[in-house]
């Protein structure tokens, strides 16, 4: 498996990034369904709200997948720029400093001089570097995975619109489902990010509850 494929797969499976996308998608669809209940009359068919909610997160999933590809491209371009700068530097110490600057802040402090020098020497010894950053098949597969994750994670929130009637009741059940999912996603996010699973879950629930309260206050 190539480095590009491994990098793309690691991104898709990264729990913090993926749970963050699920949380964003849930908050977006929660806000959207709430605004729909405010903007529509009771006699309006539930199907219209359902289509609107699904369409909202369909768009969000597409945007998120495209932004994923752009992020990968930008990061690879930055890595190439650092690599070229290291190879062009005539001073070994300058090359090592460039490598440190290109690392995330905590990692730069973990590598000593000999380790950085070995990395610099290997980089300089490479025959050549790619002329420009490129996206491969694995990247597009990963972006599609991001799209599916964001899009499919919202289906439990819109299911109540298929089951319950009238629209007002379906809205309330949908809110409850979204809040439960926000807690689960926030708990997972907090656990992997070291922020405290229960605390982060409650924070996500608080965000969802604020949206619901605002919606009810506006007449939803």
C-alpha atoms as a PDB file:
ATOM      1  CA  UNK A   1       0.000   0.000   0.000  1.00  0.00           C
ATOM      2  CA  UNK A   2       1.348   3.412  -0.927  1.00  0.00           C
ATOM      3  CA  UNK A   3       1.962   6.220   1.544  1.00  0.00           C
ATOM      4  CA  UNK A   4      -0.795   8.206  -0.146  1.00  0.00           C
ATOM      5  CA  UNK A   5      -3.287   5.376   0.341  1.00  0.00           C
ATOM      6  CA  UNK A   6      -2.327   4.879   3.965  1.00  0.00           C
ATOM      7  CA  UNK A   7      -2.590   8.611   4.636  1.00  0.00           C
ATOM      8  CA  UNK A   8      -6.022   8.832   3.064  1.00  0.00           C
ATOM      9  CA  UNK A   9      -7.302   5.818   4.962  1.00  0.00           C
ATOM     10  CA  UNK A  10      -5.974   7.116   8.252  1.00  0.00           C
ATOM     11  CA  UNK A  11      -7.798  10.400   7.671  1.00  0.00           C
ATOM     12  CA  UNK A  12     -11.108   8.672   7.028  1.00  0.00           C
ATOM     13  CA  UNK A  13     -10.776   6.499  10.104  1.00  0.00           C
ATOM     14  CA  UNK A  14      -9.514   9.259  12.389  1.00  0.00           C
ATOM     15  CA  UNK A  15     -12.152   9.245  15.157  1.00  0.00           C
ATOM     16  CA  UNK A  16     -11.777  12.881  16.174  1.00  0.00           C
ATOM     17  CA  UNK A  17     -12.154  14.265  12.657  1.00  0.00           C
ATOM     18  CA  UNK A  18     -15.013  11.966  11.765  1.00  0.00           C
ATOM     19  CA  UNK A  19     -16.949  12.502  14.981  1.00  0.00           C
ATOM     20  CA  UNK A  20     -16.502  16.233  14.495  1.00  0.00           C
ATOM     21  CA  UNK A  21     -18.126  15.958  11.068  1.00  0.00           C
ATOM     22  CA  UNK A  22     -21.024  13.950  12.511  1.00  0.00           C
ATOM     23  CA  UNK A  23     -21.544  16.584  15.221  1.00  0.00           C
ATOM     24  CA  UNK A  24     -21.497  19.412  12.665  1.00  0.00           C
ATOM     25  CA  UNK A  25     -23.971  17.554  10.466  1.00  0.00           C
ATOM     26  CA  UNK A  26     -26.328  16.869  13.368  1.00  0.00           C
ATOM     27  CA  UNK A  27     -26.275  20.472  14.532  1.00  0.00           C
ATOM     28  CA  UNK A  28     -26.928  21.662  10.993  1.00  0.00           C
ATOM     29  CA  UNK A  29     -29.885  19.371  10.373  1.00  0.00           C
ATOM     30  CA  UNK A  30     -31.273  20.140  13.836  1.00  0.00           C
ATOM     31  CA  UNK A  31     -31.171  23.854  13.112  1.00  0.00           C
ATOM     32  CA  UNK A  32     -32.671  23.297   9.684  1.00  0.00           C
ATOM     33  CA  UNK A  33     -35.607  21.176  10.824  1.00  0.00           C
ATOM     34  CA  UNK A  34     -36.258  23.694  13.582  1.00  0.00           C
ATOM     35  CA  UNK A  35     -36.341  26.613  11.181  1.00  0.00           C
ATOM     36  CA  UNK A  36     -38.620  24.648   8.874  1.00  0.00           C
ATOM     37  CA  UNK A  37     -41.149  24.164  11.654  1.00  0.00           C
ATOM     38  CA  UNK A  38     -41.113  27.910  12.259  1.00  0.00           C
ATOM     39  CA  UNK A  39     -41.395  28.858   8.620  1.00  0.00           C
ATOM     40  CA  UNK A  40     -44.100  26.376   7.635  1.00  0.00           C
ATOM     41  CA  UNK A  41     -47.746  26.047   8.600  1.00  0.00           C
ATOM     42  CA  UNK A  42     -49.210  22.956  10.244  1.00  0.00           C
ATOM     43  CA  UNK A  43     -51.039  21.926   7.068  1.00  0.00           C
ATOM     44  CA  UNK A  44     -47.859  21.711   5.014  1.00  0.00           C
ATOM     45  CA  UNK A  45     -46.993  18.151   4.168  1.00  0.00           C
ATOM     46  CA  UNK A  46     -44.300  16.427   6.195  1.00  0.00           C
ATOM     47  CA  UNK A  47     -42.667  15.304   2.967  1.00  0.00           C
ATOM     48  CA  UNK A  48     -41.580  18.865   2.243  1.00  0.00           C
ATOM     49  CA  UNK A  49     -39.783  19.110   5.571  1.00  0.00           C
ATOM     50  CA  UNK A  50     -38.197  15.704   5.065  1.00  0.00           C
ATOM     51  CA  UNK A  51     -36.890  16.600   1.617  1.00  0.00           C
ATOM     52  CA  UNK A  52     -35.568  19.893   2.926  1.00  0.00           C
ATOM     53  CA  UNK A  53     -33.752  18.279   5.865  1.00  0.00           C
ATOM     54  CA  UNK A  54     -32.203  15.549   3.711  1.00  0.00           C
ATOM     55  CA  UNK A  55     -31.246  18.064   1.034  1.00  0.00           C
ATOM     56  CA  UNK A  56     -29.591  20.243   3.657  1.00  0.00           C
ATOM     57  CA  UNK A  57     -27.224  17.504   4.763  1.00  0.00           C
ATOM     58  CA  UNK A  58     -26.782  16.194   1.240  1.00  0.00           C
ATOM     59  CA  UNK A  59     -25.310  19.589   0.415  1.00  0.00           C
ATOM     60  CA  UNK A  60     -23.286  19.588   3.632  1.00  0.00           C
ATOM     61  CA  UNK A  61     -21.871  16.139   2.831  1.00  0.00           C
ATOM     62  CA  UNK A  62     -20.854  17.224  -0.666  1.00  0.00           C
ATOM     63  CA  UNK A  63     -19.201  20.386   0.639  1.00  0.00           C
ATOM     64  CA  UNK A  64     -17.417  18.429   3.346  1.00  0.00           C
ATOM     65  CA  UNK A  65     -16.111  15.877   0.842  1.00  0.00           C
ATOM     66  CA  UNK A  66     -14.817  18.635  -1.446  1.00  0.00           C
ATOM     67  CA  UNK A  67     -13.194  20.446   1.478  1.00  0.00           C
ATOM     68  CA  UNK A  68     -11.526  17.186   2.478  1.00  0.00           C
ATOM     69  CA  UNK A  69      -9.915  16.935  -0.965  1.00  0.00           C
ATOM     70  CA  UNK A  70      -8.815  20.567  -0.842  1.00  0.00           C
ATOM     71  CA  UNK A  71      -7.295  20.048   2.608  1.00  0.00           C
ATOM     72  CA  UNK A  72      -5.350  17.003   1.416  1.00  0.00           C
ATOM     73  CA  UNK A  73      -4.107  18.906  -1.629  1.00  0.00           C
ATOM     74  CA  UNK A  74      -3.025  21.930   0.418  1.00  0.00           C
ATOM     75  CA  UNK A  75      -1.226  19.803   3.009  1.00  0.00           C
ATOM     76  CA  UNK A  76       0.637  17.866   0.332  1.00  0.00           C
ATOM     77  CA  UNK A  77       1.570  21.106  -1.390  1.00  0.00           C
ATOM     78  CA  UNK A  78       2.917  22.473   1.891  1.00  0.00           C
ATOM     79  CA  UNK A  79       4.917  19.283   2.464  1.00  0.00           C
ATOM     80  CA  UNK A  80       6.389  19.562  -1.012  1.00  0.00           C
ATOM     81  CA  UNK A  81       7.328  23.191  -0.404  1.00  0.00           C
ATOM     82  CA  UNK A  82       9.105  22.275   2.833  1.00  0.00           C
ATOM     83  CA  UNK A  83      10.845  19.372   1.118  1.00  0.00           C
ATOM     84  CA  UNK A  84      12.119  21.585  -1.685  1.00  0.00           C
ATOM     85  CA  UNK A  85      13.305  24.192   0.808  1.00  0.00           C
ATOM     86  CA  UNK A  86      15.201  21.550   2.793  1.00  0.00           C
ATOM     87  CA  UNK A  87      16.815  20.136  -0.343  1.00  0.00           C
ATOM     88  CA  UNK A  88      17.776  23.638  -1.514  1.00  0.00           C
ATOM     89  CA  UNK A  89      19.293  24.705   1.810  1.00  0.00           C
ATOM     90  CA  UNK A  90      23.082  24.649   1.794  1.00  0.00           C
ATOM     91  CA  UNK A  91      23.328  24.642   5.568  1.00  0.00           C
ATOM     92  CA  UNK A  92      22.409  21.419   7.397  1.00  0.00           C
ATOM     93  CA  UNK A  93      21.185  23.289  10.465  1.00  0.00           C
ATOM     94  CA  UNK A  94      18.865  25.410   8.359  1.00  0.00           C
ATOM     95  CA  UNK A  95      17.455  22.259   6.783  1.00  0.00           C
ATOM     96  CA  UNK A  96      16.813  20.726  10.199  1.00  0.00           C
ATOM     97  CA  UNK A  97      15.085  23.903  11.337  1.00  0.00           C
ATOM     98  CA  UNK A  98      12.844  23.787   8.286  1.00  0.00           C
ATOM     99  CA  UNK A  99      11.883  20.228   9.149  1.00  0.00           C
ATOM    100  CA  UNK A 100      11.042  21.207  12.720  1.00  0.00           C
ATOM    101  CA  UNK A 101       8.941  24.142  11.521  1.00  0.00           C
ATOM    102  CA  UNK A 102       6.980  21.782   9.291  1.00  0.00           C
ATOM    103  CA  UNK A 103       6.052  19.465  12.159  1.00  0.00           C
ATOM    104  CA  UNK A 104       3.058  19.984  14.458  1.00  0.00           C
ATOM    105  CA  UNK A 105       4.161  21.859  17.576  1.00  0.00           C
ATOM    106  CA  UNK A 106       4.269  18.927  20.038  1.00  0.00           C
ATOM    107  CA  UNK A 107       6.137  16.645  17.621  1.00  0.00           C
ATOM    108  CA  UNK A 108       8.882  19.133  16.832  1.00  0.00           C
ATOM    109  CA  UNK A 109      10.094  18.946  20.419  1.00  0.00           C
ATOM    110  CA  UNK A 110      10.366  15.141  20.391  1.00  0.00           C
ATOM    111  CA  UNK A 111      13.045  14.814  17.719  1.00  0.00           C
ATOM    112  CA  UNK A 112      16.664  15.385  18.635  1.00  0.00           C
ATOM    113  CA  UNK A 113      19.448  16.597  16.346  1.00  0.00           C
ATOM    114  CA  UNK A 114      20.596  13.184  15.049  1.00  0.00           C
ATOM    115  CA  UNK A 115      17.035  12.097  14.196  1.00  0.00           C
ATOM    116  CA  UNK A 116      16.398  15.327  12.314  1.00  0.00           C
ATOM    117  CA  UNK A 117      19.680  15.013  10.501  1.00  0.00           C
ATOM    118  CA  UNK A 118      18.870  11.475   9.373  1.00  0.00           C
ATOM    119  CA  UNK A 119      15.514  12.686   8.076  1.00  0.00           C
ATOM    120  CA  UNK A 120      17.179  15.599   6.292  1.00  0.00           C
ATOM    121  CA  UNK A 121      19.766  13.330   4.703  1.00  0.00           C
ATOM    122  CA  UNK A 122      17.111  10.912   3.453  1.00  0.00           C
ATOM    123  CA  UNK A 123      15.132  13.801   1.994  1.00  0.00           C
ATOM    124  CA  UNK A 124      18.163  15.242   0.261  1.00  0.00           C
ATOM    125  CA  UNK A 125      19.103  11.803  -1.079  1.00  0.00           C
ATOM    126  CA  UNK A 126      15.778  11.348  -2.864  1.00  0.00           C
ATOM    127  CA  UNK A 127      16.165  11.416  -6.664  1.00  0.00           C
ATOM    128  CA  UNK A 128      13.429  14.020  -7.029  1.00  0.00           C
ATOM    129  CA  UNK A 129      10.185  15.335  -5.606  1.00  0.00           C
ATOM    130  CA  UNK A 130       6.837  15.516  -7.425  1.00  0.00           C
ATOM    131  CA  UNK A 131       6.387  18.663  -9.467  1.00  0.00           C
ATOM    132  CA  UNK A 132       3.032  19.394  -7.851  1.00  0.00           C
ATOM    133  CA  UNK A 133       0.708  17.872  -5.268  1.00  0.00           C
ATOM    134  CA  UNK A 134      -1.701  15.336  -6.698  1.00  0.00           C
ATOM    135  CA  UNK A 135      -4.829  13.527  -5.633  1.00  0.00           C
ATOM    136  CA  UNK A 136      -5.110   9.790  -6.140  1.00  0.00           C
ATOM    137  CA  UNK A 137      -7.950   7.309  -6.334  1.00  0.00           C
ATOM    138  CA  UNK A 138      -7.694   6.609  -2.600  1.00  0.00           C
ATOM    139  CA  UNK A 139      -8.271  10.301  -1.856  1.00  0.00           C
ATOM    140  CA  UNK A 140     -11.508  10.388  -3.849  1.00  0.00           C
ATOM    141  CA  UNK A 141     -12.665   7.171  -2.188  1.00  0.00           C
ATOM    142  CA  UNK A 142     -11.897   8.768   1.180  1.00  0.00           C
ATOM    143  CA  UNK A 143     -13.812  11.922   0.243  1.00  0.00           C
ATOM    144  CA  UNK A 144     -16.798   9.789  -0.738  1.00  0.00           C
ATOM    145  CA  UNK A 145     -16.529   8.073   2.644  1.00  0.00           C
ATOM    146  CA  UNK A 146     -16.643  11.472   4.350  1.00  0.00           C
ATOM    147  CA  UNK A 147     -19.730  12.367   2.325  1.00  0.00           C
ATOM    148  CA  UNK A 148     -21.485   9.136   3.278  1.00  0.00           C
ATOM    149  CA  UNK A 149     -20.608   9.505   6.939  1.00  0.00           C
ATOM    150  CA  UNK A 150     -22.028  13.020   7.156  1.00  0.00           C
ATOM    151  CA  UNK A 151     -25.074  12.277   5.029  1.00  0.00           C
ATOM    152  CA  UNK A 152     -26.081   8.939   6.561  1.00  0.00           C
ATOM    153  CA  UNK A 153     -25.562  10.125  10.133  1.00  0.00           C
ATOM    154  CA  UNK A 154     -28.553  12.449   9.719  1.00  0.00           C
ATOM    155  CA  UNK A 155     -31.091   9.813   8.709  1.00  0.00           C
ATOM    156  CA  UNK A 156     -32.157   8.943  12.283  1.00  0.00           C
ATOM    157  CA  UNK A 157     -33.012  12.623  12.721  1.00  0.00           C
ATOM    158  CA  UNK A 158     -35.346  12.729   9.713  1.00  0.00           C
ATOM    159  CA  UNK A 159     -36.992   9.322  10.261  1.00  0.00           C
ATOM    160  CA  UNK A 160     -39.538  10.789  12.743  1.00  0.00           C
ATOM    161  CA  UNK A 161     -40.962  12.873   9.898  1.00  0.00           C
ATOM    162  CA  UNK A 162     -41.861   9.586   8.177  1.00  0.00           C
ATOM    163  CA  UNK A 163     -43.425   8.031  11.258  1.00  0.00           C
ATOM    164  CA  UNK A 164     -45.142  10.706  13.305  1.00  0.00           C
ATOM    165  CA  UNK A 165     -47.918  13.151  12.555  1.00  0.00           C
ATOM    166  CA  UNK A 166     -48.644  16.053  12.841  1.00  0.00           C
ATOM    167  CA  UNK A 167     -45.549  17.981  11.911  1.00  0.00           C
ATOM    168  CA  UNK A 168     -45.226  19.533  15.372  1.00  0.00           C
ATOM    169  CA  UNK A 169     -44.939  16.124  17.058  1.00  0.00           C
ATOM    170  CA  UNK A 170     -42.503  14.800  14.465  1.00  0.00           C
ATOM    171  CA  UNK A 171     -40.382  17.871  15.062  1.00  0.00           C
ATOM    172  CA  UNK A 172     -40.161  17.240  18.800  1.00  0.00           C
ATOM    173  CA  UNK A 173     -39.255  13.547  18.363  1.00  0.00           C
ATOM    174  CA  UNK A 174     -36.633  14.511  15.794  1.00  0.00           C
ATOM    175  CA  UNK A 175     -35.150  16.985  18.267  1.00  0.00           C
ATOM    176  CA  UNK A 176     -34.887  14.283  20.930  1.00  0.00           C
ATOM    177  CA  UNK A 177     -33.200  11.862  18.534  1.00  0.00           C
ATOM    178  CA  UNK A 178     -30.725  14.544  17.468  1.00  0.00           C
ATOM    179  CA  UNK A 179     -29.864  15.437  21.056  1.00  0.00           C
ATOM    180  CA  UNK A 180     -29.225  11.792  21.973  1.00  0.00           C
ATOM    181  CA  UNK A 181     -27.005  11.403  18.926  1.00  0.00           C
ATOM    182  CA  UNK A 182     -25.200  14.627  19.795  1.00  0.00           C
ATOM    183  CA  UNK A 183     -24.420  13.263  23.234  1.00  0.00           C
ATOM    184  CA  UNK A 184     -23.118   9.958  21.849  1.00  0.00           C
ATOM    185  CA  UNK A 185     -21.004  11.702  19.206  1.00  0.00           C
ATOM    186  CA  UNK A 186     -19.758  14.296  21.692  1.00  0.00           C
ATOM    187  CA  UNK A 187     -18.874  11.584  24.202  1.00  0.00           C
ATOM    188  CA  UNK A 188     -16.855   9.724  21.580  1.00  0.00           C
ATOM    189  CA  UNK A 189     -15.198  12.951  20.441  1.00  0.00           C
ATOM    190  CA  UNK A 190     -14.259  13.903  23.987  1.00  0.00           C
ATOM    191  CA  UNK A 191     -12.861  10.455  24.738  1.00  0.00           C
ATOM    192  CA  UNK A 192     -10.564  10.413  21.716  1.00  0.00           C
ATOM    193  CA  UNK A 193      -9.554  14.060  22.093  1.00  0.00           C
ATOM    194  CA  UNK A 194      -8.802  13.736  25.800  1.00  0.00           C
ATOM    195  CA  UNK A 195     -11.377  16.376  26.708  1.00  0.00           C
ATOM    196  CA  UNK A 196     -13.529  14.234  28.979  1.00  0.00           C
ATOM    197  CA  UNK A 197     -16.207  12.101  27.344  1.00  0.00           C
ATOM    198  CA  UNK A 198     -19.139  12.984  29.602  1.00  0.00           C
ATOM    199  CA  UNK A 199     -18.311  16.685  29.675  1.00  0.00           C
ATOM    200  CA  UNK A 200     -17.952  16.939  25.901  1.00  0.00           C
ATOM    201  CA  UNK A 201     -21.142  14.953  25.378  1.00  0.00           C
ATOM    202  CA  UNK A 202     -23.038  17.341  27.638  1.00  0.00           C
ATOM    203  CA  UNK A 203     -21.562  20.349  25.828  1.00  0.00           C
ATOM    204  CA  UNK A 204     -22.843  18.966  22.523  1.00  0.00           C
ATOM    205  CA  UNK A 205     -26.248  18.337  24.084  1.00  0.00           C
ATOM    206  CA  UNK A 206     -26.209  21.929  25.343  1.00  0.00           C
ATOM    207  CA  UNK A 207     -25.594  23.226  21.832  1.00  0.00           C
ATOM    208  CA  UNK A 208     -28.459  21.154  20.497  1.00  0.00           C
ATOM    209  CA  UNK A 209     -30.744  22.209  23.349  1.00  0.00           C
ATOM    210  CA  UNK A 210     -29.998  25.881  22.689  1.00  0.00           C
ATOM    211  CA  UNK A 211     -31.070  25.416  19.080  1.00  0.00           C
ATOM    212  CA  UNK A 212     -34.285  23.720  20.155  1.00  0.00           C
ATOM    213  CA  UNK A 213     -35.068  26.392  22.778  1.00  0.00           C
ATOM    214  CA  UNK A 214     -34.471  29.193  20.315  1.00  0.00           C
ATOM    215  CA  UNK A 215     -36.714  27.452  17.804  1.00  0.00           C
ATOM    216  CA  UNK A 216     -39.541  27.016  20.340  1.00  0.00           C
ATOM    217  CA  UNK A 217     -39.165  30.639  21.454  1.00  0.00           C
ATOM    218  CA  UNK A 218     -39.615  31.715  17.840  1.00  0.00           C
ATOM    219  CA  UNK A 219     -42.815  29.744  17.573  1.00  0.00           C
ATOM    220  CA  UNK A 220     -41.581  26.366  16.275  1.00  0.00           C
END
